[in-house]
Amino acid sequence: MGPIHLFDLASRQAQWLSVKEAAISSNVANANTPGFKARDVDPFSDVLEKTQLSMAATDPHHLEVNATGISAVQMRQDNIIETTHSGNTVSLEQEMIKAGEVSRDFSLNTSIVKAFHRMMLTAVKG
């Protein structure tokens, strides 16, 4: 297994979140535009799949997990898109929910980076 570049991964997620935020703002801005189709970005999990990260057992007491050992649980998503008589598919409620999720993910990303930065500074100072 190669090294994991946490700060690079956090940077990529921040960039992805910025693009998602721009898509949300575009949808909200065009909520009354006739014929406008709501847009979204690919999930960040696709980015993670491309990085080929895998779990490493650094202690013999760690659980053995293979690729099929854990199944992902998907939350039920209500992707019911209502189309207005003008052909617009933007749901302001769904866009506000997405904006809240982006805000939460930005905060989590920042908190994790700050924590690892503090740990690195502590390790360097000795």
N, C-alpha and C. Protein backbone atom coordinates (compact mmCIF):
# COMPACT_ATOMS: atom_id res chain seq x y z
N MET A 1 0.85 -1.18 0.00
CA MET A 1 0.00 0.00 0.00
C MET A 1 0.88 1.24 0.00
N GLY A 2 0.58 2.16 -0.84
CA GLY A 2 1.33 3.41 -0.92
C GLY A 2 0.89 4.38 0.16
N PRO A 3 1.58 5.49 0.25
CA PRO A 3 1.22 6.48 1.27
C PRO A 3 -0.13 7.13 0.95
N ILE A 4 -0.81 7.51 2.01
CA ILE A 4 -2.07 8.23 1.87
C ILE A 4 -1.79 9.71 2.09
N HIS A 5 -2.10 10.51 1.13
CA HIS A 5 -1.86 11.94 1.22
C HIS A 5 -3.14 12.61 1.69
N LEU A 6 -3.27 12.71 3.01
CA LEU A 6 -4.50 13.21 3.61
C LEU A 6 -4.82 14.63 3.15
N PHE A 7 -3.80 15.49 3.13
CA PHE A 7 -4.06 16.88 2.76
C PHE A 7 -4.47 16.99 1.30
N ASP A 8 -3.92 16.14 0.43
CA ASP A 8 -4.32 16.14 -0.98
C ASP A 8 -5.76 15.66 -1.11
N LEU A 9 -6.11 14.63 -0.35
CA LEU A 9 -7.48 14.12 -0.38
C LEU A 9 -8.46 15.17 0.13
N ALA A 10 -8.10 15.85 1.21
CA ALA A 10 -8.97 16.90 1.75
C ALA A 10 -9.11 18.05 0.76
N SER A 11 -8.03 18.36 0.05
CA SER A 11 -8.08 19.42 -0.95
C SER A 11 -9.00 19.04 -2.11
N ARG A 12 -8.92 17.78 -2.54
CA ARG A 12 -9.79 17.33 -3.61
C ARG A 12 -11.26 17.38 -3.19
N GLN A 13 -11.52 16.99 -1.94
CA GLN A 13 -12.91 17.04 -1.48
C GLN A 13 -13.39 18.48 -1.41
N ALA A 14 -12.53 19.39 -0.96
CA ALA A 14 -12.92 20.80 -0.89
C ALA A 14 -13.22 21.34 -2.29
N GLN A 15 -12.43 20.94 -3.27
CA GLN A 15 -12.70 21.38 -4.64
C GLN A 15 -14.03 20.81 -5.13
N TRP A 16 -14.26 19.53 -4.84
CA TRP A 16 -15.51 18.88 -5.23
C TRP A 16 -16.69 19.58 -4.57
N LEU A 17 -16.55 19.92 -3.28
CA LEU A 17 -17.62 20.61 -2.57
C LEU A 17 -17.90 21.98 -3.18
N SER A 18 -16.84 22.66 -3.64
CA SER A 18 -17.02 23.96 -4.30
C SER A 18 -17.81 23.82 -5.59
N VAL A 19 -17.52 22.78 -6.36
CA VAL A 19 -18.26 22.55 -7.60
C VAL A 19 -19.72 22.21 -7.29
N LYS A 20 -19.93 21.39 -6.26
CA LYS A 20 -21.30 21.03 -5.87
C LYS A 20 -22.06 22.27 -5.42
N GLU A 21 -21.39 23.14 -4.66
CA GLU A 21 -22.01 24.38 -4.20
C GLU A 21 -22.39 25.27 -5.38
N ALA A 22 -21.53 25.32 -6.39
CA ALA A 22 -21.82 26.13 -7.59
C ALA A 22 -23.03 25.56 -8.34
N ALA A 23 -23.14 24.23 -8.41
CA ALA A 23 -24.29 23.61 -9.08
C ALA A 23 -25.58 23.92 -8.32
N ILE A 24 -25.51 23.87 -6.99
CA ILE A 24 -26.69 24.18 -6.18
C ILE A 24 -27.11 25.63 -6.38
N SER A 25 -26.14 26.53 -6.36
CA SER A 25 -26.47 27.95 -6.53
C SER A 25 -27.04 28.23 -7.91
N SER A 26 -26.55 27.53 -8.92
CA SER A 26 -27.09 27.68 -10.27
C SER A 26 -28.53 27.18 -10.32
N ASN A 27 -28.80 26.06 -9.66
CA ASN A 27 -30.17 25.54 -9.63
C ASN A 27 -31.12 26.52 -8.95
N VAL A 28 -30.67 27.07 -7.80
CA VAL A 28 -31.52 28.01 -7.07
C VAL A 28 -31.75 29.28 -7.90
N ALA A 29 -30.69 29.76 -8.55
CA ALA A 29 -30.83 30.98 -9.35
C ALA A 29 -31.78 30.79 -10.52
N ASN A 30 -31.90 29.55 -11.01
CA ASN A 30 -32.77 29.29 -12.16
C ASN A 30 -34.06 28.59 -11.78
N ALA A 31 -34.46 28.73 -10.53
CA ALA A 31 -35.66 28.03 -10.04
C ALA A 31 -36.92 28.44 -10.79
N ASN A 32 -36.94 29.64 -11.35
CA ASN A 32 -38.12 30.12 -12.07
C ASN A 32 -37.90 30.21 -13.57
N THR A 33 -36.80 29.66 -14.05
CA THR A 33 -36.51 29.71 -15.48
C THR A 33 -37.27 28.59 -16.19
N PRO A 34 -38.12 28.92 -17.13
CA PRO A 34 -38.87 27.88 -17.83
C PRO A 34 -37.95 26.89 -18.55
N GLY A 35 -38.23 25.60 -18.38
CA GLY A 35 -37.47 24.56 -19.08
C GLY A 35 -36.13 24.22 -18.47
N PHE A 36 -35.75 24.87 -17.36
CA PHE A 36 -34.44 24.60 -16.75
C PHE A 36 -34.47 23.25 -16.06
N LYS A 37 -33.44 22.43 -16.30
CA LYS A 37 -33.31 21.12 -15.67
C LYS A 37 -32.28 21.22 -14.55
N ALA A 38 -32.66 20.78 -13.36
CA ALA A 38 -31.75 20.81 -12.20
C ALA A 38 -30.52 19.98 -12.50
N ARG A 39 -29.37 20.46 -12.02
CA ARG A 39 -28.10 19.78 -12.25
C ARG A 39 -27.49 19.36 -10.93
N ASP A 40 -26.67 18.31 -10.98
CA ASP A 40 -25.95 17.85 -9.80
C ASP A 40 -24.60 17.31 -10.28
N VAL A 41 -23.68 17.09 -9.35
CA VAL A 41 -22.37 16.57 -9.69
C VAL A 41 -22.29 15.10 -9.30
N ASP A 42 -21.30 14.40 -9.86
CA ASP A 42 -21.08 13.00 -9.49
C ASP A 42 -20.70 12.92 -8.03
N PRO A 43 -21.05 11.83 -7.36
CA PRO A 43 -20.72 11.70 -5.94
C PRO A 43 -19.21 11.66 -5.70
N PHE A 44 -18.80 12.12 -4.52
CA PHE A 44 -17.38 12.13 -4.17
C PHE A 44 -16.83 10.71 -4.04
N SER A 45 -17.70 9.75 -3.81
CA SER A 45 -17.25 8.36 -3.71
C SER A 45 -16.59 7.91 -5.01
N ASP A 46 -17.01 8.47 -6.15
CA ASP A 46 -16.35 8.15 -7.42
C ASP A 46 -14.90 8.61 -7.41
N VAL A 47 -14.65 9.76 -6.78
CA VAL A 47 -13.28 10.25 -6.66
C VAL A 47 -12.46 9.31 -5.78
N LEU A 48 -13.06 8.85 -4.69
CA LEU A 48 -12.36 7.93 -3.80
C LEU A 48 -12.04 6.61 -4.47
N GLU A 49 -12.95 6.13 -5.30
CA GLU A 49 -12.71 4.87 -6.01
C GLU A 49 -11.52 4.99 -6.95
N LYS A 50 -11.31 6.16 -7.52
CA LYS A 50 -10.20 6.36 -8.44
C LYS A 50 -8.85 6.42 -7.73
N THR A 51 -8.85 6.71 -6.42
CA THR A 51 -7.58 6.82 -5.70
C THR A 51 -7.05 5.48 -5.25
N GLN A 52 -7.85 4.43 -5.31
CA GLN A 52 -7.45 3.08 -4.94
C GLN A 52 -6.96 2.98 -3.50
N LEU A 53 -7.67 3.61 -2.57
CA LEU A 53 -7.32 3.50 -1.16
C LEU A 53 -7.81 2.16 -0.64
N SER A 54 -7.03 1.57 0.26
CA SER A 54 -7.47 0.32 0.87
C SER A 54 -7.10 0.34 2.34
N MET A 55 -7.78 -0.50 3.11
CA MET A 55 -7.53 -0.56 4.54
C MET A 55 -6.26 -1.36 4.80
N ALA A 56 -5.53 -0.98 5.85
CA ALA A 56 -4.31 -1.70 6.22
C ALA A 56 -4.43 -2.16 7.65
N ALA A 57 -4.09 -3.43 7.91
CA ALA A 57 -4.08 -3.96 9.27
C ALA A 57 -2.69 -3.76 9.84
N THR A 58 -2.54 -2.83 10.78
CA THR A 58 -1.24 -2.54 11.37
C THR A 58 -1.03 -3.29 12.67
N ASP A 59 -2.04 -4.03 13.10
CA ASP A 59 -1.96 -4.79 14.34
C ASP A 59 -2.62 -6.14 14.08
N PRO A 60 -2.05 -7.23 14.62
CA PRO A 60 -2.65 -8.55 14.36
C PRO A 60 -4.06 -8.70 14.92
N HIS A 61 -4.50 -7.82 15.83
CA HIS A 61 -5.84 -7.90 16.41
C HIS A 61 -6.88 -7.16 15.58
N HIS A 62 -6.45 -6.51 14.51
CA HIS A 62 -7.41 -5.84 13.64
C HIS A 62 -8.26 -6.88 12.91
N LEU A 63 -9.48 -6.50 12.60
CA LEU A 63 -10.38 -7.40 11.88
C LEU A 63 -9.95 -7.52 10.44
N GLU A 64 -10.06 -8.71 9.90
CA GLU A 64 -9.77 -8.93 8.48
C GLU A 64 -11.02 -8.58 7.69
N VAL A 65 -10.86 -7.71 6.73
CA VAL A 65 -11.99 -7.31 5.91
C VAL A 65 -11.55 -7.36 4.46
N ASN A 66 -12.26 -8.14 3.67
CA ASN A 66 -11.94 -8.15 2.24
C ASN A 66 -12.93 -7.27 1.51
N ALA A 67 -12.77 -7.20 0.22
CA ALA A 67 -13.61 -6.28 -0.57
C ALA A 67 -15.09 -6.61 -0.47
N THR A 68 -15.42 -7.88 -0.26
CA THR A 68 -16.84 -8.25 -0.18
C THR A 68 -17.29 -8.46 1.26
N GLY A 69 -16.41 -8.24 2.24
CA GLY A 69 -16.74 -8.50 3.63
C GLY A 69 -17.69 -7.50 4.25
N ILE A 70 -17.71 -6.30 3.75
CA ILE A 70 -18.60 -5.28 4.30
C ILE A 70 -19.46 -4.76 3.17
N SER A 71 -20.74 -4.75 3.41
CA SER A 71 -21.64 -4.21 2.38
C SER A 71 -22.01 -2.79 2.75
N ALA A 72 -22.05 -1.95 1.78
CA ALA A 72 -22.41 -0.56 2.01
C ALA A 72 -23.92 -0.46 2.19
N VAL A 73 -24.31 0.31 3.17
CA VAL A 73 -25.73 0.54 3.41
C VAL A 73 -26.08 1.87 2.77
N GLN A 74 -27.01 1.83 1.86
CA GLN A 74 -27.41 3.06 1.20
C GLN A 74 -28.67 3.60 1.86
N MET A 75 -28.61 4.87 2.17
CA MET A 75 -29.78 5.53 2.74
C MET A 75 -30.82 5.71 1.63
N ARG A 76 -32.06 5.62 2.00
CA ARG A 76 -33.13 5.84 1.03
C ARG A 76 -33.14 7.31 0.65
N GLN A 77 -33.06 7.58 -0.62
CA GLN A 77 -33.07 8.97 -1.08
C GLN A 77 -34.37 9.25 -1.81
N ASP A 78 -34.96 10.35 -1.45
CA ASP A 78 -36.19 10.76 -2.11
C ASP A 78 -35.82 11.67 -3.28
N ASN A 79 -35.60 11.06 -4.42
CA ASN A 79 -35.23 11.82 -5.62
C ASN A 79 -36.45 12.09 -6.49
N ILE A 80 -37.56 12.33 -5.85
CA ILE A 80 -38.77 12.63 -6.61
C ILE A 80 -38.65 14.07 -7.09
N ILE A 81 -38.52 14.21 -8.37
CA ILE A 81 -38.39 15.54 -8.95
C ILE A 81 -39.72 15.92 -9.58
N GLU A 82 -40.25 17.01 -9.10
CA GLU A 82 -41.50 17.50 -9.65
C GLU A 82 -41.19 18.46 -10.79
N THR A 83 -41.85 18.25 -11.87
CA THR A 83 -41.69 19.15 -13.00
C THR A 83 -42.87 20.09 -13.02
N THR A 84 -42.56 21.37 -13.04
CA THR A 84 -43.64 22.37 -13.08
C THR A 84 -44.22 22.43 -14.49
N HIS A 85 -45.30 23.15 -14.63
CA HIS A 85 -45.92 23.27 -15.95
C HIS A 85 -45.01 23.96 -16.96
N SER A 86 -44.00 24.71 -16.46
CA SER A 86 -43.07 25.38 -17.36
C SER A 86 -41.89 24.47 -17.75
N GLY A 87 -41.84 23.25 -17.19
CA GLY A 87 -40.76 22.33 -17.53
C GLY A 87 -39.56 22.42 -16.61
N ASN A 88 -39.64 23.23 -15.57
CA ASN A 88 -38.54 23.40 -14.62
C ASN A 88 -38.55 22.25 -13.61
N THR A 89 -37.35 21.68 -13.32
CA THR A 89 -37.27 20.54 -12.40
C THR A 89 -36.57 20.88 -11.08
N VAL A 90 -36.36 22.15 -10.79
CA VAL A 90 -35.67 22.55 -9.56
C VAL A 90 -36.64 22.49 -8.39
N SER A 91 -36.22 21.81 -7.32
CA SER A 91 -36.96 21.78 -6.07
C SER A 91 -36.14 22.57 -5.05
N LEU A 92 -36.64 23.73 -4.66
CA LEU A 92 -35.90 24.58 -3.74
C LEU A 92 -35.64 23.87 -2.40
N GLU A 93 -36.58 23.06 -1.96
CA GLU A 93 -36.40 22.33 -0.70
C GLU A 93 -35.22 21.38 -0.80
N GLN A 94 -35.13 20.62 -1.91
CA GLN A 94 -34.03 19.69 -2.10
C GLN A 94 -32.70 20.44 -2.22
N GLU A 95 -32.70 21.57 -2.89
CA GLU A 95 -31.46 22.34 -3.05
C GLU A 95 -30.98 22.89 -1.70
N MET A 96 -31.91 23.30 -0.84
CA MET A 96 -31.53 23.80 0.48
C MET A 96 -30.98 22.67 1.35
N ILE A 97 -31.54 21.48 1.21
CA ILE A 97 -31.01 20.32 1.93
C ILE A 97 -29.59 20.02 1.46
N LYS A 98 -29.38 20.04 0.15
CA LYS A 98 -28.04 19.81 -0.40
C LYS A 98 -27.06 20.88 0.07
N ALA A 99 -27.50 22.14 0.12
CA ALA A 99 -26.62 23.22 0.58
C ALA A 99 -26.22 23.01 2.03
N GLY A 100 -27.15 22.54 2.85
CA GLY A 100 -26.82 22.24 4.25
C GLY A 100 -25.82 21.11 4.36
N GLU A 101 -25.96 20.08 3.52
CA GLU A 101 -25.01 18.98 3.52
C GLU A 101 -23.62 19.44 3.09
N VAL A 102 -23.55 20.31 2.10
CA VAL A 102 -22.26 20.84 1.65
C VAL A 102 -21.60 21.64 2.76
N SER A 103 -22.38 22.47 3.44
CA SER A 103 -21.85 23.26 4.55
C SER A 103 -21.29 22.35 5.66
N ARG A 104 -22.06 21.31 5.98
CA ARG A 104 -21.61 20.36 7.01
C ARG A 104 -20.33 19.65 6.58
N ASP A 105 -20.25 19.24 5.32
CA ASP A 105 -19.06 18.56 4.82
C ASP A 105 -17.84 19.47 4.80
N PHE A 106 -18.04 20.76 4.45
CA PHE A 106 -16.94 21.72 4.52
C PHE A 106 -16.42 21.84 5.95
N SER A 107 -17.32 21.92 6.91
CA SER A 107 -16.92 22.05 8.31
C SER A 107 -16.16 20.82 8.78
N LEU A 108 -16.64 19.64 8.42
CA LEU A 108 -15.97 18.41 8.80
C LEU A 108 -14.59 18.32 8.17
N ASN A 109 -14.50 18.65 6.90
CA ASN A 109 -13.23 18.62 6.18
C ASN A 109 -12.23 19.55 6.87
N THR A 110 -12.65 20.75 7.18
CA THR A 110 -11.77 21.73 7.83
C THR A 110 -11.34 21.26 9.21
N SER A 111 -12.24 20.68 9.97
CA SER A 111 -11.91 20.19 11.31
C SER A 111 -10.89 19.07 11.25
N ILE A 112 -11.04 18.16 10.31
CA ILE A 112 -10.09 17.05 10.18
C ILE A 112 -8.72 17.57 9.78
N VAL A 113 -8.67 18.49 8.82
CA VAL A 113 -7.38 19.04 8.39
C VAL A 113 -6.70 19.78 9.54
N LYS A 114 -7.46 20.55 10.30
CA LYS A 114 -6.88 21.27 11.45
C LYS A 114 -6.32 20.29 12.48
N ALA A 115 -7.05 19.21 12.75
CA ALA A 115 -6.59 18.23 13.73
C ALA A 115 -5.30 17.57 13.28
N PHE A 116 -5.21 17.17 12.02
CA PHE A 116 -3.98 16.55 11.53
C PHE A 116 -2.84 17.56 11.46
N HIS A 117 -3.15 18.80 11.16
CA HIS A 117 -2.11 19.83 11.15
C HIS A 117 -1.53 20.00 12.55
N ARG A 118 -2.40 20.05 13.56
CA ARG A 118 -1.93 20.16 14.95
C ARG A 118 -1.09 18.95 15.33
N MET A 119 -1.51 17.75 14.91
CA MET A 119 -0.74 16.54 15.23
C MET A 119 0.64 16.59 14.57
N MET A 120 0.70 17.07 13.35
CA MET A 120 2.00 17.17 12.66
C MET A 120 2.90 18.18 13.35
N LEU A 121 2.35 19.32 13.76
CA LEU A 121 3.14 20.31 14.46
C LEU A 121 3.66 19.77 15.78
N THR A 122 2.82 19.02 16.48
CA THR A 122 3.24 18.43 17.75
C THR A 122 4.35 17.41 17.52
N ALA A 123 4.24 16.62 16.46
CA ALA A 123 5.28 15.62 16.16
C ALA A 123 6.60 16.29 15.77
N VAL A 124 6.54 17.39 15.05
CA VAL A 124 7.75 18.07 14.62
C VAL A 124 8.44 18.76 15.82
N LYS A 125 7.64 19.35 16.70
CA LYS A 125 8.20 20.03 17.86
C LYS A 125 8.78 19.05 18.86
N GLY A 126 8.27 17.83 18.88
CA GLY A 126 8.80 16.78 19.76
C GLY A 126 8.20 16.82 21.06
